[in-house]
Amino acid sequence: MRLTQHTDYALRVLIHVGLKRGEASTIREISESYGVSRNHLMKVANTLGRLGFVVPTRGRGGGLVLARGPAEINIGDVVRDMEENLTLVECFRSADNTCPIAGICRLERVLAQALKSFLAVLDGVTLADLLSDGGALRLRLGIGGPVTSS
């Protein structure tokens, strides 16, 4: 399974914003911290705002803040909401499945179980868990403020 770049960047944005502890993170800061395109991050930030994970504020002093506490942001939910398609193989798509062995093939069941297990692991993780070594993350990303564990 491979997550899209959109989802990857969404998780990175949430980590960055979470490390700021209520202080707004700008797209420019996030872009510079991760060395990724501002244009991509703008699209990701818009999606995260629309989905209710961050609150965007325009203008001077604006940026992104978390819409709720890090412990309330489930990583499994983020991945499900950001990924347009978690269909691993054609046989998962009933509308246009042309595989002649769909429904009797063991691979279909194994892959369905693997996807379910993958998401179950992510469901057991919150943004707070990802921020548990906040000091090292802040240092690596060049985020100012006290370098202490979250």
Protein backbone atom coordinates (compact mmCIF):
# COMPACT_ATOMS: atom_id res chain seq x y z
CA MET A 1 0.00 0.00 0.00
CA ARG A 2 1.21 3.45 -0.78
CA LEU A 3 -0.25 6.69 0.52
CA THR A 4 -0.55 9.63 -1.83
CA GLN A 5 1.77 12.61 -1.52
CA HIS A 6 -1.31 14.63 -0.51
CA THR A 7 -1.81 12.42 2.55
CA ASP A 8 1.91 12.39 3.34
CA TYR A 9 2.00 16.18 3.31
CA ALA A 10 -1.21 16.37 5.34
CA LEU A 11 0.37 14.31 8.11
CA ARG A 12 3.49 16.47 7.98
CA VAL A 13 1.40 19.66 8.17
CA LEU A 14 -0.48 18.33 11.19
CA ILE A 15 2.79 17.45 12.93
CA HIS A 16 4.23 20.91 12.26
CA VAL A 17 1.07 22.70 13.34
CA GLY A 18 0.79 20.49 16.43
CA LEU A 19 4.35 21.28 17.46
CA LYS A 20 3.52 25.00 17.51
CA ARG A 21 1.09 24.46 20.42
CA GLY A 22 -1.57 26.92 19.37
CA GLU A 23 0.72 29.40 17.61
CA ALA A 24 -0.11 29.70 13.92
CA SER A 25 2.10 27.91 11.39
CA THR A 26 2.40 29.55 7.99
CA ILE A 27 2.59 27.67 4.73
CA ARG A 28 5.97 29.32 4.18
CA GLU A 29 7.32 27.97 7.50
CA ILE A 30 6.02 24.49 6.83
CA SER A 31 7.37 24.55 3.28
CA GLU A 32 10.81 25.61 4.46
CA SER A 33 10.85 23.10 7.33
CA TYR A 34 10.12 20.15 5.07
CA GLY A 35 11.62 21.46 1.83
CA VAL A 36 8.39 20.93 -0.11
CA SER A 37 6.39 23.04 -2.54
CA ARG A 38 4.23 25.84 -1.12
CA ASN A 39 1.69 25.22 -3.87
CA HIS A 40 1.23 21.60 -2.79
CA LEU A 41 0.98 22.64 0.84
CA MET A 42 -1.69 25.23 0.05
CA LYS A 43 -3.85 22.51 -1.48
CA VAL A 44 -3.22 20.24 1.50
CA ALA A 45 -3.99 23.04 3.97
CA ASN A 46 -7.25 23.80 2.16
CA THR A 47 -8.27 20.16 2.37
CA LEU A 48 -7.32 19.90 6.05
CA GLY A 49 -9.33 23.06 6.76
CA ARG A 50 -12.36 21.82 4.84
CA LEU A 51 -12.21 18.51 6.74
CA GLY A 52 -12.00 20.27 10.11
CA PHE A 53 -8.48 19.25 11.14
CA VAL A 54 -7.04 22.79 11.05
CA VAL A 55 -8.37 26.30 11.22
CA PRO A 56 -6.83 28.59 8.60
CA THR A 57 -6.56 32.32 9.28
CA ARG A 58 -5.71 34.83 6.58
CA GLY A 59 -3.72 38.03 6.86
CA ARG A 60 -0.93 39.22 9.10
CA GLY A 61 -0.38 36.83 11.97
CA GLY A 62 -2.44 34.25 10.13
CA GLY A 63 -1.66 30.67 9.38
CA LEU A 64 -2.86 27.28 10.51
CA VAL A 65 -3.76 26.08 13.99
CA LEU A 66 -5.24 22.74 15.00
CA ALA A 67 -9.03 22.68 15.06
CA ARG A 68 -8.92 20.43 18.14
CA GLY A 69 -6.38 18.98 20.52
CA PRO A 70 -3.71 16.60 19.19
CA ALA A 71 -5.15 13.75 21.29
CA GLU A 72 -8.46 14.20 19.45
CA ILE A 73 -6.96 13.86 15.96
CA ASN A 74 -6.89 10.20 14.99
CA ILE A 75 -4.35 9.31 12.32
CA GLY A 76 -6.58 6.61 10.84
CA ASP A 77 -9.30 9.23 10.33
CA VAL A 78 -6.83 11.60 8.67
CA VAL A 79 -5.66 8.90 6.25
CA ARG A 80 -9.21 7.80 5.40
CA ASP A 81 -10.31 11.41 4.84
CA MET A 82 -7.26 12.42 2.79
CA GLU A 83 -7.04 9.34 0.58
CA GLU A 84 -9.45 9.45 -2.32
CA ASN A 85 -9.20 5.74 -2.89
CA LEU A 86 -8.10 2.94 -0.60
CA THR A 87 -8.83 0.37 -3.29
CA LEU A 88 -5.75 -1.83 -3.38
CA VAL A 89 -6.69 -3.96 -6.37
CA GLU A 90 -9.36 -4.09 -9.10
CA CYS A 91 -11.44 -6.75 -7.36
CA PHE A 92 -12.21 -4.26 -4.55
CA ARG A 93 -14.16 -2.17 -7.11
CA SER A 94 -17.48 -3.86 -7.77
CA ALA A 95 -18.57 -1.25 -10.34
CA ASP A 96 -15.85 -1.98 -12.91
CA ASN A 97 -14.22 -5.19 -11.75
CA THR A 98 -13.31 -7.41 -14.69
CA CYS A 99 -11.17 -9.95 -12.84
CA PRO A 100 -12.55 -13.41 -13.69
CA ILE A 101 -11.54 -14.91 -10.33
CA ALA A 102 -12.99 -12.14 -8.12
CA GLY A 103 -15.04 -13.51 -5.28
CA ILE A 104 -13.29 -16.88 -5.18
CA CYS A 105 -9.67 -15.74 -5.07
CA ARG A 106 -7.92 -15.91 -1.71
CA LEU A 107 -5.77 -12.89 -2.58
CA GLU A 108 -8.82 -10.64 -2.46
CA ARG A 109 -9.57 -11.71 1.14
CA VAL A 110 -5.91 -11.47 2.20
CA LEU A 111 -5.56 -7.95 0.81
CA ALA A 112 -8.84 -6.88 2.42
CA GLN A 113 -7.56 -8.20 5.75
CA ALA A 114 -4.22 -6.44 5.26
CA LEU A 115 -5.94 -3.11 4.56
CA LYS A 116 -8.16 -3.57 7.59
CA SER A 117 -5.09 -4.30 9.76
CA PHE A 118 -3.20 -1.31 8.33
CA LEU A 119 -6.06 1.04 9.17
CA ALA A 120 -6.52 -0.57 12.61
CA VAL A 121 -2.92 0.29 13.49
CA LEU A 122 -3.45 3.89 12.37
CA ASP A 123 -6.71 4.03 14.34
CA GLY A 124 -4.67 3.36 17.48
CA VAL A 125 -2.51 6.45 16.95
CA THR A 126 -3.31 10.11 17.56
CA LEU A 127 -1.44 13.23 16.58
CA ALA A 128 -0.45 13.53 20.25
CA ASP A 129 1.35 10.19 19.95
CA LEU A 130 3.29 11.49 16.95
CA LEU A 131 4.26 14.62 18.88
CA SER A 132 5.56 12.74 21.93
CA ASP A 133 9.19 13.62 21.09
CA GLY A 134 8.34 17.24 20.34
CA GLY A 135 11.74 18.61 21.31
CA ALA A 136 13.64 16.57 18.76
CA LEU A 137 11.00 17.25 16.10
CA ARG A 138 11.09 21.01 16.76
CA LEU A 139 14.87 21.01 16.57
CA ARG A 140 14.92 19.02 13.30
CA LEU A 141 12.23 21.23 11.72
CA GLY A 142 13.75 24.49 12.96
CA ILE A 143 10.69 25.44 14.97
CA GLY A 144 11.49 28.02 17.65
CA GLY A 145 10.36 27.98 21.22
CA PRO A 146 11.34 25.80 24.13
CA VAL A 147 12.88 22.51 23.16
CA THR A 148 11.13 20.22 25.61
CA SER A 149 9.13 17.06 25.18
CA SER A 150 5.41 17.59 24.48
